[in-house]
Amino acid sequence: MCDNFSDVAESFPELIRPGVLYRSADPRFSDLTSIGNPRTIINLRMEPDNQVFQGCTYIHCPIANKIEKYDTTQEEVRKWLAVTFQQIALAEVPILLHCRAGKDRTGIVVAILLKILFEHQSY
């Protein structure tokens, strides 16, 4: 099993269906079934993925390590998030979002996506 792997729906079933969005640390030592059999893998790290899973589309949405990802007032962070969300919107599900540890980059993207879904559901 991949470190820090989870189905986002396990924590937020009212916002997202199970099996649509997964998050994790670097999946390089995993097999496809242990990471939810994703159709799309989105890498948020600076380094490209070096393991290829057959049948998956790979998308690389990096942001420089020196950038404070939690500061969404920074233009560079906003641009990175916009590109990342465009890729998520176009991606075939299930989607696996990952970075090195599955916490910072992955955490901020998942948190903002859940906020968007929550706000949309509120209307």
PDB file of N, CA and C in Angstrom:
ATOM      1  N   MET A   1       0.849  -1.191   0.000  1.00  0.00           N
ATOM      2  CA  MET A   1       0.000   0.000   0.000  1.00  0.00           C
ATOM      3  C   MET A   1       0.882   1.237   0.000  1.00  0.00           C
ATOM      4  N   CYS A   2       0.421   2.240  -0.656  1.00  0.00           N
ATOM      5  CA  CYS A   2       1.124   3.514  -0.772  1.00  0.00           C
ATOM      6  C   CYS A   2       0.935   4.332   0.512  1.00  0.00           C
ATOM      7  N   ASP A   3       1.982   5.018   0.941  1.00  0.00           N
ATOM      8  CA  ASP A   3       1.877   5.875   2.127  1.00  0.00           C
ATOM      9  C   ASP A   3       0.843   6.972   1.919  1.00  0.00           C
ATOM     10  N   ASN A   4       0.126   7.266   2.989  1.00  0.00           N
ATOM     11  CA  ASN A   4      -0.824   8.367   3.026  1.00  0.00           C
ATOM     12  C   ASN A   4      -1.915   8.237   1.953  1.00  0.00           C
ATOM     13  N   PHE A   5      -2.234   7.015   1.559  1.00  0.00           N
ATOM     14  CA  PHE A   5      -3.250   6.781   0.530  1.00  0.00           C
ATOM     15  C   PHE A   5      -4.638   6.822   1.148  1.00  0.00           C
ATOM     16  N   SER A   6      -5.558   7.502   0.480  1.00  0.00           N
ATOM     17  CA  SER A   6      -6.963   7.442   0.893  1.00  0.00           C
ATOM     18  C   SER A   6      -7.879   7.849  -0.252  1.00  0.00           C
ATOM     19  N   ASP A   7      -9.093   7.350  -0.157  1.00  0.00           N
ATOM     20  CA  ASP A   7     -10.169   7.778  -1.038  1.00  0.00           C
ATOM     21  C   ASP A   7     -10.746   9.025  -0.360  1.00  0.00           C
ATOM     22  N   VAL A   8     -10.741  10.149  -1.028  1.00  0.00           N
ATOM     23  CA  VAL A   8     -11.206  11.403  -0.434  1.00  0.00           C
ATOM     24  C   VAL A   8     -12.653  11.275   0.047  1.00  0.00           C
ATOM     25  N   ALA A   9     -13.433  10.442  -0.606  1.00  0.00           N
ATOM     26  CA  ALA A   9     -14.837  10.256  -0.226  1.00  0.00           C
ATOM     27  C   ALA A   9     -14.998   9.618   1.146  1.00  0.00           C
ATOM     28  N   GLU A  10     -13.982   8.908   1.635  1.00  0.00           N
ATOM     29  CA  GLU A  10     -14.099   8.296   2.960  1.00  0.00           C
ATOM     30  C   GLU A  10     -14.311   9.352   4.045  1.00  0.00           C
ATOM     31  N   SER A  11     -13.697  10.503   3.873  1.00  0.00           N
ATOM     32  CA  SER A  11     -13.844  11.582   4.851  1.00  0.00           C
ATOM     33  C   SER A  11     -14.953  12.561   4.491  1.00  0.00           C
ATOM     34  N   PHE A  12     -15.331  12.620   3.226  1.00  0.00           N
ATOM     35  CA  PHE A  12     -16.317  13.605   2.767  1.00  0.00           C
ATOM     36  C   PHE A  12     -17.337  12.970   1.823  1.00  0.00           C
ATOM     37  N   PRO A  13     -18.074  11.956   2.291  1.00  0.00           N
ATOM     38  CA  PRO A  13     -19.008  11.260   1.397  1.00  0.00           C
ATOM     39  C   PRO A  13     -20.157  12.137   0.905  1.00  0.00           C
ATOM     40  N   GLU A  14     -20.426  13.219   1.611  1.00  0.00           N
ATOM     41  CA  GLU A  14     -21.498  14.113   1.169  1.00  0.00           C
ATOM     42  C   GLU A  14     -21.064  15.015   0.014  1.00  0.00           C
ATOM     43  N   LEU A  15     -19.766  15.082  -0.243  1.00  0.00           N
ATOM     44  CA  LEU A  15     -19.257  15.978  -1.291  1.00  0.00           C
ATOM     45  C   LEU A  15     -18.756  15.257  -2.535  1.00  0.00           C
ATOM     46  N   ILE A  16     -18.329  14.008  -2.394  1.00  0.00           N
ATOM     47  CA  ILE A  16     -17.712  13.316  -3.515  1.00  0.00           C
ATOM     48  C   ILE A  16     -18.018  11.824  -3.427  1.00  0.00           C
ATOM     49  N   ARG A  17     -18.257  11.221  -4.569  1.00  0.00           N
ATOM     50  CA  ARG A  17     -18.563   9.793  -4.606  1.00  0.00           C
ATOM     51  C   ARG A  17     -17.308   8.953  -4.370  1.00  0.00           C
ATOM     52  N   PRO A  18     -17.443   7.796  -3.751  1.00  0.00           N
ATOM     53  CA  PRO A  18     -16.294   6.902  -3.581  1.00  0.00           C
ATOM     54  C   PRO A  18     -15.716   6.484  -4.936  1.00  0.00           C
ATOM     55  N   GLY A  19     -14.406   6.330  -4.966  1.00  0.00           N
ATOM     56  CA  GLY A  19     -13.744   5.847  -6.169  1.00  0.00           C
ATOM     57  C   GLY A  19     -13.513   6.884  -7.254  1.00  0.00           C
ATOM     58  N   VAL A  20     -13.711   8.154  -6.947  1.00  0.00           N
ATOM     59  CA  VAL A  20     -13.521   9.225  -7.933  1.00  0.00           C
ATOM     60  C   VAL A  20     -12.178   9.912  -7.752  1.00  0.00           C
ATOM     61  N   LEU A  21     -11.815  10.213  -6.503  1.00  0.00           N
ATOM     62  CA  LEU A  21     -10.591  10.960  -6.228  1.00  0.00           C
ATOM     63  C   LEU A  21      -9.828  10.322  -5.075  1.00  0.00           C
ATOM     64  N   TYR A  22      -8.589   9.960  -5.371  1.00  0.00           N
ATOM     65  CA  TYR A  22      -7.685   9.413  -4.361  1.00  0.00           C
ATOM     66  C   TYR A  22      -6.536  10.385  -4.150  1.00  0.00           C
ATOM     67  N   ARG A  23      -5.910  10.279  -2.984  1.00  0.00           N
ATOM     68  CA  ARG A  23      -4.732  11.101  -2.693  1.00  0.00           C
ATOM     69  C   ARG A  23      -3.687  10.207  -2.048  1.00  0.00           C
ATOM     70  N   SER A  24      -2.411  10.557  -2.267  1.00  0.00           N
ATOM     71  CA  SER A  24      -1.360   9.724  -1.670  1.00  0.00           C
ATOM     72  C   SER A  24      -0.010  10.420  -1.744  1.00  0.00           C
ATOM     73  N   ALA A  25       0.954   9.748  -1.118  1.00  0.00           N
ATOM     74  CA  ALA A  25       2.360  10.100  -1.289  1.00  0.00           C
ATOM     75  C   ALA A  25       2.806   9.521  -2.637  1.00  0.00           C
ATOM     76  N   ASP A  26       4.063   9.648  -2.934  1.00  0.00           N
ATOM     77  CA  ASP A  26       4.641   9.116  -4.174  1.00  0.00           C
ATOM     78  C   ASP A  26       4.275   7.631  -4.322  1.00  0.00           C
ATOM     79  N   PRO A  27       3.579   7.257  -5.415  1.00  0.00           N
ATOM     80  CA  PRO A  27       3.119   5.867  -5.558  1.00  0.00           C
ATOM     81  C   PRO A  27       4.146   4.923  -6.198  1.00  0.00           C
ATOM     82  N   ARG A  28       5.389   5.334  -6.319  1.00  0.00           N
ATOM     83  CA  ARG A  28       6.348   4.576  -7.134  1.00  0.00           C
ATOM     84  C   ARG A  28       6.588   3.138  -6.695  1.00  0.00           C
ATOM     85  N   PHE A  29       6.385   2.799  -5.442  1.00  0.00           N
ATOM     86  CA  PHE A  29       6.616   1.420  -4.999  1.00  0.00           C
ATOM     87  C   PHE A  29       5.306   0.661  -4.802  1.00  0.00           C
ATOM     88  N   SER A  30       4.262   1.126  -5.448  1.00  0.00           N
ATOM     89  CA  SER A  30       2.927   0.539  -5.290  1.00  0.00           C
ATOM     90  C   SER A  30       2.534  -0.207  -6.553  1.00  0.00           C
ATOM     91  N   ASP A  31       1.517  -1.047  -6.401  1.00  0.00           N
ATOM     92  CA  ASP A  31       0.906  -1.631  -7.595  1.00  0.00           C
ATOM     93  C   ASP A  31      -0.401  -0.890  -7.838  1.00  0.00           C
ATOM     94  N   LEU A  32      -0.900  -1.005  -9.040  1.00  0.00           N
ATOM     95  CA  LEU A  32      -2.059  -0.220  -9.461  1.00  0.00           C
ATOM     96  C   LEU A  32      -3.289  -0.454  -8.571  1.00  0.00           C
ATOM     97  N   THR A  33      -3.543  -1.672  -8.174  1.00  0.00           N
ATOM     98  CA  THR A  33      -4.734  -1.944  -7.361  1.00  0.00           C
ATOM     99  C   THR A  33      -4.632  -1.310  -5.973  1.00  0.00           C
ATOM    100  N   SER A  34      -3.413  -1.172  -5.437  1.00  0.00           N
ATOM    101  CA  SER A  34      -3.274  -0.588  -4.098  1.00  0.00           C
ATOM    102  C   SER A  34      -3.438   0.929  -4.099  1.00  0.00           C
ATOM    103  N   ILE A  35      -3.487   1.534  -5.280  1.00  0.00           N
ATOM    104  CA  ILE A  35      -3.714   2.979  -5.372  1.00  0.00           C
ATOM    105  C   ILE A  35      -5.033   3.299  -6.083  1.00  0.00           C
ATOM    106  N   GLY A  36      -5.985   2.365  -6.016  1.00  0.00           N
ATOM    107  CA  GLY A  36      -7.341   2.638  -6.489  1.00  0.00           C
ATOM    108  C   GLY A  36      -7.578   2.463  -7.974  1.00  0.00           C
ATOM    109  N   ASN A  37      -6.652   1.836  -8.690  1.00  0.00           N
ATOM    110  CA  ASN A  37      -6.791   1.646 -10.143  1.00  0.00           C
ATOM    111  C   ASN A  37      -7.129   2.947 -10.871  1.00  0.00           C
ATOM    112  N   PRO A  38      -6.345   3.993 -10.660  1.00  0.00           N
ATOM    113  CA  PRO A  38      -6.670   5.280 -11.298  1.00  0.00           C
ATOM    114  C   PRO A  38      -6.523   5.221 -12.812  1.00  0.00           C
ATOM    115  N   ARG A  39      -7.325   6.016 -13.488  1.00  0.00           N
ATOM    116  CA  ARG A  39      -7.183   6.209 -14.943  1.00  0.00           C
ATOM    117  C   ARG A  39      -6.264   7.400 -15.206  1.00  0.00           C
ATOM    118  N   THR A  40      -6.207   8.320 -14.224  1.00  0.00           N
ATOM    119  CA  THR A  40      -5.368   9.513 -14.334  1.00  0.00           C
ATOM    120  C   THR A  40      -4.555   9.662 -13.066  1.00  0.00           C
ATOM    121  N   ILE A  41      -3.261   9.928 -13.232  1.00  0.00           N
ATOM    122  CA  ILE A  41      -2.372  10.200 -12.107  1.00  0.00           C
ATOM    123  C   ILE A  41      -1.841  11.608 -12.282  1.00  0.00           C
ATOM    124  N   ILE A  42      -2.089  12.458 -11.291  1.00  0.00           N
ATOM    125  CA  ILE A  42      -1.625  13.845 -11.332  1.00  0.00           C
ATOM    126  C   ILE A  42      -0.527  14.015 -10.289  1.00  0.00           C
ATOM    127  N   ASN A  43       0.659  14.299 -10.773  1.00  0.00           N
ATOM    128  CA  ASN A  43       1.843  14.481  -9.941  1.00  0.00           C
ATOM    129  C   ASN A  43       2.018  15.970  -9.674  1.00  0.00           C
ATOM    130  N   LEU A  44       2.026  16.349  -8.412  1.00  0.00           N
ATOM    131  CA  LEU A  44       2.158  17.750  -8.024  1.00  0.00           C
ATOM    132  C   LEU A  44       3.594  18.113  -7.629  1.00  0.00           C
ATOM    133  N   ARG A  45       4.506  17.144  -7.638  1.00  0.00           N
ATOM    134  CA  ARG A  45       5.910  17.383  -7.275  1.00  0.00           C
ATOM    135  C   ARG A  45       6.650  18.063  -8.422  1.00  0.00           C
ATOM    136  N   MET A  46       7.821  18.592  -8.110  1.00  0.00           N
ATOM    137  CA  MET A  46       8.680  19.160  -9.162  1.00  0.00           C
ATOM    138  C   MET A  46       9.235  18.060 -10.061  1.00  0.00           C
ATOM    139  N   GLU A  47       9.580  16.919  -9.453  1.00  0.00           N
ATOM    140  CA  GLU A  47      10.173  15.819 -10.210  1.00  0.00           C
ATOM    141  C   GLU A  47       9.087  15.043 -10.948  1.00  0.00           C
ATOM    142  N   PRO A  48       9.378  14.612 -12.174  1.00  0.00           N
ATOM    143  CA  PRO A  48       8.386  13.798 -12.887  1.00  0.00           C
ATOM    144  C   PRO A  48       8.292  12.389 -12.288  1.00  0.00           C
ATOM    145  N   ASP A  49       7.175  11.727 -12.532  1.00  0.00           N
ATOM    146  CA  ASP A  49       7.026  10.337 -12.103  1.00  0.00           C
ATOM    147  C   ASP A  49       8.017   9.478 -12.873  1.00  0.00           C
ATOM    148  N   ASN A  50       8.618   8.528 -12.179  1.00  0.00           N
ATOM    149  CA  ASN A  50       9.543   7.643 -12.881  1.00  0.00           C
ATOM    150  C   ASN A  50       9.007   6.223 -13.006  1.00  0.00           C
ATOM    151  N   GLN A  51       7.843   5.949 -12.463  1.00  0.00           N
ATOM    152  CA  GLN A  51       7.196   4.658 -12.654  1.00  0.00           C
ATOM    153  C   GLN A  51       5.985   4.877 -13.531  1.00  0.00           C
ATOM    154  N   VAL A  52       5.800   3.998 -14.487  1.00  0.00           N
ATOM    155  CA  VAL A  52       4.667   4.118 -15.398  1.00  0.00           C
ATOM    156  C   VAL A  52       3.730   2.939 -15.173  1.00  0.00           C
ATOM    157  N   PHE A  53       2.473   3.242 -14.943  1.00  0.00           N
ATOM    158  CA  PHE A  53       1.441   2.216 -14.826  1.00  0.00           C
ATOM    159  C   PHE A  53       0.699   2.167 -16.153  1.00  0.00           C
ATOM    160  N   GLN A  54       0.606   1.004 -16.740  1.00  0.00           N
ATOM    161  CA  GLN A  54      -0.094   0.832 -18.014  1.00  0.00           C
ATOM    162  C   GLN A  54      -1.545   1.257 -17.884  1.00  0.00           C
ATOM    163  N   GLY A  55      -2.058   1.944 -18.890  1.00  0.00           N
ATOM    164  CA  GLY A  55      -3.457   2.336 -18.917  1.00  0.00           C
ATOM    165  C   GLY A  55      -3.774   3.628 -18.182  1.00  0.00           C
ATOM    166  N   CYS A  56      -2.752   4.280 -17.616  1.00  0.00           N
ATOM    167  CA  CYS A  56      -2.974   5.539 -16.897  1.00  0.00           C
ATOM    168  C   CYS A  56      -2.484   6.718 -17.725  1.00  0.00           C
ATOM    169  N   THR A  57      -3.200   7.809 -17.610  1.00  0.00           N
ATOM    170  CA  THR A  57      -2.741   9.069 -18.174  1.00  0.00           C
ATOM    171  C   THR A  57      -1.984   9.797 -17.076  1.00  0.00           C
ATOM    172  N   TYR A  58      -0.813  10.308 -17.421  1.00  0.00           N
ATOM    173  CA  TYR A  58       0.005  11.041 -16.447  1.00  0.00           C
ATOM    174  C   TYR A  58      -0.063  12.527 -16.737  1.00  0.00           C
ATOM    175  N   ILE A  59      -0.271  13.298 -15.682  1.00  0.00           N
ATOM    176  CA  ILE A  59      -0.290  14.757 -15.784  1.00  0.00           C
ATOM    177  C   ILE A  59       0.661  15.288 -14.727  1.00  0.00           C
ATOM    178  N   HIS A  60       1.505  16.215 -15.131  1.00  0.00           N
ATOM    179  CA  HIS A  60       2.490  16.796 -14.215  1.00  0.00           C
ATOM    180  C   HIS A  60       2.122  18.258 -13.991  1.00  0.00           C
ATOM    181  N   CYS A  61       1.794  18.616 -12.754  1.00  0.00           N
ATOM    182  CA  CYS A  61       1.426  19.983 -12.378  1.00  0.00           C
ATOM    183  C   CYS A  61       2.361  20.443 -11.257  1.00  0.00           C
ATOM    184  N   PRO A  62       3.604  20.753 -11.588  1.00  0.00           N
ATOM    185  CA  PRO A  62       4.576  21.104 -10.545  1.00  0.00           C
ATOM    186  C   PRO A  62       4.478  22.559 -10.090  1.00  0.00           C
ATOM    187  N   ILE A  63       4.984  22.785  -8.907  1.00  0.00           N
ATOM    188  CA  ILE A  63       5.205  24.139  -8.396  1.00  0.00           C
ATOM    189  C   ILE A  63       6.544  24.095  -7.660  1.00  0.00           C
ATOM    190  N   ALA A  64       7.301  25.159  -7.768  1.00  0.00           N
ATOM    191  CA  ALA A  64       8.637  25.202  -7.177  1.00  0.00           C
ATOM    192  C   ALA A  64       8.601  24.938  -5.679  1.00  0.00           C
ATOM    193  N   ASN A  65       9.598  24.219  -5.205  1.00  0.00           N
ATOM    194  CA  ASN A  65       9.681  23.886  -3.783  1.00  0.00           C
ATOM    195  C   ASN A  65       9.765  25.125  -2.897  1.00  0.00           C
ATOM    196  N   LYS A  66      10.360  26.196  -3.403  1.00  0.00           N
ATOM    197  CA  LYS A  66      10.557  27.402  -2.593  1.00  0.00           C
ATOM    198  C   LYS A  66       9.268  28.198  -2.371  1.00  0.00           C
ATOM    199  N   ILE A  67       8.238  27.900  -3.133  1.00  0.00           N
ATOM    200  CA  ILE A  67       6.969  28.629  -3.035  1.00  0.00           C
ATOM    201  C   ILE A  67       6.161  28.103  -1.853  1.00  0.00           C
ATOM    202  N   GLU A  68       5.597  29.006  -1.071  1.00  0.00           N
ATOM    203  CA  GLU A  68       4.733  28.626   0.051  1.00  0.00           C
ATOM    204  C   GLU A  68       3.349  28.311  -0.508  1.00  0.00           C
ATOM    205  N   LYS A  69       3.054  27.030  -0.662  1.00  0.00           N
ATOM    206  CA  LYS A  69       1.813  26.589  -1.305  1.00  0.00           C
ATOM    207  C   LYS A  69       0.554  27.000  -0.559  1.00  0.00           C
ATOM    208  N   TYR A  70       0.655  27.180   0.751  1.00  0.00           N
ATOM    209  CA  TYR A  70      -0.528  27.534   1.539  1.00  0.00           C
ATOM    210  C   TYR A  70      -0.901  29.013   1.419  1.00  0.00           C
ATOM    211  N   ASP A  71      -0.021  29.807   0.844  1.00  0.00           N
ATOM    212  CA  ASP A  71      -0.298  31.239   0.680  1.00  0.00           C
ATOM    213  C   ASP A  71      -0.995  31.461  -0.654  1.00  0.00           C
ATOM    214  N   THR A  72      -2.304  31.313  -0.646  1.00  0.00           N
ATOM    215  CA  THR A  72      -3.058  31.418  -1.893  1.00  0.00           C
ATOM    216  C   THR A  72      -3.242  32.858  -2.369  1.00  0.00           C
ATOM    217  N   THR A  73      -2.648  33.810  -1.660  1.00  0.00           N
ATOM    218  CA  THR A  73      -2.669  35.190  -2.150  1.00  0.00           C
ATOM    219  C   THR A  73      -1.548  35.407  -3.171  1.00  0.00           C
ATOM    220  N   GLN A  74      -0.580  34.496  -3.227  1.00  0.00           N
ATOM    221  CA  GLN A  74       0.520  34.622  -4.192  1.00  0.00           C
ATOM    222  C   GLN A  74       0.030  34.279  -5.602  1.00  0.00           C
ATOM    223  N   GLU A  75       0.384  35.112  -6.556  1.00  0.00           N
ATOM    224  CA  GLU A  75      -0.042  34.893  -7.934  1.00  0.00           C
ATOM    225  C   GLU A  75       0.442  33.548  -8.473  1.00  0.00           C
ATOM    226  N   GLU A  76       1.676  33.173  -8.158  1.00  0.00           N
ATOM    227  CA  GLU A  76       2.214  31.907  -8.657  1.00  0.00           C
ATOM    228  C   GLU A  76       1.428  30.700  -8.114  1.00  0.00           C
ATOM    229  N   VAL A  77       1.008  30.777  -6.864  1.00  0.00           N
ATOM    230  CA  VAL A  77       0.204  29.700  -6.274  1.00  0.00           C
ATOM    231  C   VAL A  77      -1.160  29.652  -6.952  1.00  0.00           C
ATOM    232  N   ARG A  78      -1.767  30.792  -7.176  1.00  0.00           N
ATOM    233  CA  ARG A  78      -3.079  30.835  -7.825  1.00  0.00           C
ATOM    234  C   ARG A  78      -3.016  30.282  -9.255  1.00  0.00           C
ATOM    235  N   LYS A  79      -1.964  30.610  -9.975  1.00  0.00           N
ATOM    236  CA  LYS A  79      -1.809  30.085 -11.335  1.00  0.00           C
ATOM    237  C   LYS A  79      -1.641  28.573 -11.306  1.00  0.00           C
ATOM    238  N   TRP A  80      -0.812  28.080 -10.365  1.00  0.00           N
ATOM    239  CA  TRP A  80      -0.603  26.630 -10.232  1.00  0.00           C
ATOM    240  C   TRP A  80      -1.921  25.927  -9.907  1.00  0.00           C
ATOM    241  N   LEU A  81      -2.687  26.493  -8.987  1.00  0.00           N
ATOM    242  CA  LEU A  81      -3.975  25.896  -8.627  1.00  0.00           C
ATOM    243  C   LEU A  81      -4.939  25.917  -9.813  1.00  0.00           C
ATOM    244  N   ALA A  82      -4.967  26.996 -10.557  1.00  0.00           N
ATOM    245  CA  ALA A  82      -5.865  27.089 -11.713  1.00  0.00           C
ATOM    246  C   ALA A  82      -5.528  26.020 -12.755  1.00  0.00           C
ATOM    247  N   VAL A  83      -4.249  25.861 -13.050  1.00  0.00           N
ATOM    248  CA  VAL A  83      -3.821  24.836 -14.005  1.00  0.00           C
ATOM    249  C   VAL A  83      -4.173  23.444 -13.479  1.00  0.00           C
ATOM    250  N   THR A  84      -3.909  23.221 -12.202  1.00  0.00           N
ATOM    251  CA  THR A  84      -4.200  21.918 -11.601  1.00  0.00           C
ATOM    252  C   THR A  84      -5.686  21.607 -11.656  1.00  0.00           C
ATOM    253  N   PHE A  85      -6.541  22.577 -11.322  1.00  0.00           N
ATOM    254  CA  PHE A  85      -7.989  22.335 -11.356  1.00  0.00           C
ATOM    255  C   PHE A  85      -8.497  22.153 -12.783  1.00  0.00           C
ATOM    256  N   GLN A  86      -7.904  22.828 -13.745  1.00  0.00           N
ATOM    257  CA  GLN A  86      -8.270  22.601 -15.149  1.00  0.00           C
ATOM    258  C   GLN A  86      -7.967  21.159 -15.541  1.00  0.00           C
ATOM    259  N   GLN A  87      -6.815  20.674 -15.107  1.00  0.00           N
ATOM    260  CA  GLN A  87      -6.435  19.288 -15.416  1.00  0.00           C
ATOM    261  C   GLN A  87      -7.371  18.296 -14.731  1.00  0.00           C
ATOM    262  N   ILE A  88      -7.720  18.558 -13.489  1.00  0.00           N
ATOM    263  CA  ILE A  88      -8.657  17.688 -12.764  1.00  0.00           C
ATOM    264  C   ILE A  88     -10.005  17.659 -13.484  1.00  0.00           C
ATOM    265  N   ALA A  89     -10.475  18.824 -13.920  1.00  0.00           N
ATOM    266  CA  ALA A  89     -11.774  18.915 -14.594  1.00  0.00           C
ATOM    267  C   ALA A  89     -11.803  18.104 -15.885  1.00  0.00           C
ATOM    268  N   LEU A  90     -10.674  18.000 -16.559  1.00  0.00           N
ATOM    269  CA  LEU A  90     -10.605  17.298 -17.845  1.00  0.00           C
ATOM    270  C   LEU A  90     -10.202  15.831 -17.706  1.00  0.00           C
ATOM    271  N   ALA A  91      -9.767  15.433 -16.526  1.00  0.00           N
ATOM    272  CA  ALA A  91      -9.199  14.102 -16.329  1.00  0.00           C
ATOM    273  C   ALA A  91     -10.269  13.013 -16.293  1.00  0.00           C
ATOM    274  N   GLU A  92      -9.861  11.834 -16.724  1.00  0.00           N
ATOM    275  CA  GLU A  92     -10.711  10.659 -16.624  1.00  0.00           C
ATOM    276  C   GLU A  92     -10.607  10.096 -15.204  1.00  0.00           C
ATOM    277  N   VAL A  93     -11.737   9.773 -14.601  1.00  0.00           N
ATOM    278  CA  VAL A  93     -11.744   9.234 -13.245  1.00  0.00           C
ATOM    279  C   VAL A  93     -11.646   7.716 -13.282  1.00  0.00           C
ATOM    280  N   PRO A  94     -11.158   7.138 -12.202  1.00  0.00           N
ATOM    281  CA  PRO A  94     -10.677   7.743 -10.973  1.00  0.00           C
ATOM    282  C   PRO A  94      -9.345   8.459 -11.154  1.00  0.00           C
ATOM    283  N   ILE A  95      -9.135   9.459 -10.302  1.00  0.00           N
ATOM    284  CA  ILE A  95      -7.932  10.295 -10.332  1.00  0.00           C
ATOM    285  C   ILE A  95      -7.141  10.051  -9.056  1.00  0.00           C
ATOM    286  N   LEU A  96      -5.827   9.936  -9.198  1.00  0.00           N
ATOM    287  CA  LEU A  96      -4.925   9.907  -8.045  1.00  0.00           C
ATOM    288  C   LEU A  96      -4.100  11.179  -8.069  1.00  0.00           C
ATOM    289  N   LEU A  97      -4.222  11.981  -7.020  1.00  0.00           N
ATOM    290  CA  LEU A  97      -3.385  13.171  -6.819  1.00  0.00           C
ATOM    291  C   LEU A  97      -2.268  12.787  -5.875  1.00  0.00           C
ATOM    292  N   HIS A  98      -1.042  13.154  -6.211  1.00  0.00           N
ATOM    293  CA  HIS A  98       0.046  12.830  -5.288  1.00  0.00           C
ATOM    294  C   HIS A  98       1.171  13.844  -5.351  1.00  0.00           C
ATOM    295  N   CYS A  99       1.931  13.881  -4.255  1.00  0.00           N
ATOM    296  CA  CYS A  99       3.193  14.607  -4.184  1.00  0.00           C
ATOM    297  C   CYS A  99       4.160  13.694  -3.432  1.00  0.00           C
ATOM    298  N   ARG A 100       5.230  14.200  -2.902  1.00  0.00           N
ATOM    299  CA  ARG A 100       6.206  13.330  -2.253  1.00  0.00           C
ATOM    300  C   ARG A 100       5.616  12.632  -1.034  1.00  0.00           C
ATOM    301  N   ALA A 101       5.034  13.399  -0.121  1.00  0.00           N
ATOM    302  CA  ALA A 101       4.497  12.823   1.114  1.00  0.00           C
ATOM    303  C   ALA A 101       2.969  12.747   1.117  1.00  0.00           C
ATOM    304  N   GLY A 102       2.311  13.383   0.148  1.00  0.00           N
ATOM    305  CA  GLY A 102       0.850  13.365   0.106  1.00  0.00           C
ATOM    306  C   GLY A 102       0.200  14.289   1.109  1.00  0.00           C
ATOM    307  N   LYS A 103       0.948  15.304   1.553  1.00  0.00           N
ATOM    308  CA  LYS A 103       0.425  16.204   2.593  1.00  0.00           C
ATOM    309  C   LYS A 103       0.289  17.645   2.108  1.00  0.00           C
ATOM    310  N   ASP A 104       1.399  18.287   1.760  1.00  0.00           N
ATOM    311  CA  ASP A 104       1.358  19.726   1.494  1.00  0.00           C
ATOM    312  C   ASP A 104       0.694  20.060   0.159  1.00  0.00           C
ATOM    313  N   ARG A 105       1.341  19.767  -0.947  1.00  0.00           N
ATOM    314  CA  ARG A 105       0.742  20.079  -2.250  1.00  0.00           C
ATOM    315  C   ARG A 105      -0.598  19.368  -2.421  1.00  0.00           C
ATOM    316  N   THR A 106      -0.604  18.089  -2.139  1.00  0.00           N
ATOM    317  CA  THR A 106      -1.832  17.308  -2.277  1.00  0.00           C
ATOM    318  C   THR A 106      -2.903  17.819  -1.318  1.00  0.00           C
ATOM    319  N   GLY A 107      -2.511  18.124  -0.104  1.00  0.00           N
ATOM    320  CA  GLY A 107      -3.458  18.609   0.895  1.00  0.00           C
ATOM    321  C   GLY A 107      -4.131  19.904   0.501  1.00  0.00           C
ATOM    322  N   ILE A 108      -3.356  20.845  -0.010  1.00  0.00           N
ATOM    323  CA  ILE A 108      -3.937  22.139  -0.377  1.00  0.00           C
ATOM    324  C   ILE A 108      -4.876  21.995  -1.574  1.00  0.00           C
ATOM    325  N   VAL A 109      -4.501  21.178  -2.553  1.00  0.00           N
ATOM    326  CA  VAL A 109      -5.361  20.979  -3.723  1.00  0.00           C
ATOM    327  C   VAL A 109      -6.672  20.302  -3.306  1.00  0.00           C
ATOM    328  N   VAL A 110      -6.586  19.253  -2.499  1.00  0.00           N
ATOM    329  CA  VAL A 110      -7.792  18.557  -2.056  1.00  0.00           C
ATOM    330  C   VAL A 110      -8.654  19.471  -1.184  1.00  0.00           C
ATOM    331  N   ALA A 111      -8.047  20.226  -0.285  1.00  0.00           N
ATOM    332  CA  ALA A 111      -8.812  21.122   0.593  1.00  0.00           C
ATOM    333  C   ALA A 111      -9.579  22.172  -0.207  1.00  0.00           C
ATOM    334  N   ILE A 112      -8.931  22.772  -1.183  1.00  0.00           N
ATOM    335  CA  ILE A 112      -9.613  23.801  -1.982  1.00  0.00           C
ATOM    336  C   ILE A 112     -10.689  23.173  -2.855  1.00  0.00           C
ATOM    337  N   LEU A 113     -10.413  22.008  -3.408  1.00  0.00           N
ATOM    338  CA  LEU A 113     -11.428  21.321  -4.205  1.00  0.00           C
ATOM    339  C   LEU A 113     -12.657  20.998  -3.354  1.00  0.00           C
ATOM    340  N   LEU A 114     -12.449  20.523  -2.140  1.00  0.00           N
ATOM    341  CA  LEU A 114     -13.576  20.232  -1.249  1.00  0.00           C
ATOM    342  C   LEU A 114     -14.337  21.500  -0.873  1.00  0.00           C
ATOM    343  N   LYS A 115     -13.628  22.593  -0.682  1.00  0.00           N
ATOM    344  CA  LYS A 115     -14.284  23.881  -0.391  1.00  0.00           C
ATOM    345  C   LYS A 115     -15.172  24.303  -1.560  1.00  0.00           C
ATOM    346  N   ILE A 116     -14.649  24.156  -2.774  1.00  0.00           N
ATOM    347  CA  ILE A 116     -15.432  24.489  -3.975  1.00  0.00           C
ATOM    348  C   ILE A 116     -16.682  23.613  -4.043  1.00  0.00           C
ATOM    349  N   LEU A 117     -16.511  22.308  -3.830  1.00  0.00           N
ATOM    350  CA  LEU A 117     -17.662  21.393  -3.871  1.00  0.00           C
ATOM    351  C   LEU A 117     -18.677  21.713  -2.785  1.00  0.00           C
ATOM    352  N   PHE A 118     -18.203  22.053  -1.581  1.00  0.00           N
ATOM    353  CA  PHE A 118     -19.093  22.399  -0.489  1.00  0.00           C
ATOM    354  C   PHE A 118     -19.873  23.662  -0.814  1.00  0.00           C
ATOM    355  N   GLU A 119     -19.180  24.685  -1.317  1.00  0.00           N
ATOM    356  CA  GLU A 119     -19.853  25.946  -1.655  1.00  0.00           C
ATOM    357  C   GLU A 119     -20.880  25.724  -2.760  1.00  0.00           C
ATOM    358  N   HIS A 120     -20.524  24.915  -3.750  1.00  0.00           N
ATOM    359  CA  HIS A 120     -21.448  24.624  -4.854  1.00  0.00           C
ATOM    360  C   HIS A 120     -22.691  23.910  -4.327  1.00  0.00           C
ATOM    361  N   GLN A 121     -22.485  22.970  -3.420  1.00  0.00           N
ATOM    362  CA  GLN A 121     -23.593  22.199  -2.855  1.00  0.00           C
ATOM    363  C   GLN A 121     -24.507  23.080  -2.001  1.00  0.00           C
ATOM    364  N   SER A 122     -23.972  24.147  -1.434  1.00  0.00           N
ATOM    365  CA  SER A 122     -24.735  25.026  -0.553  1.00  0.00           C
ATOM    366  C   SER A 122     -25.776  25.855  -1.287  1.00  0.00           C
ATOM    367  N   TYR A 123     -25.637  25.992  -2.599  1.00  0.00           N
ATOM    368  CA  TYR A 123     -26.572  26.834  -3.361  1.00  0.00           C
ATOM    369  C   TYR A 123     -27.797  26.093  -3.759  1.00  0.00           C
TER     370      TYR A 123
END
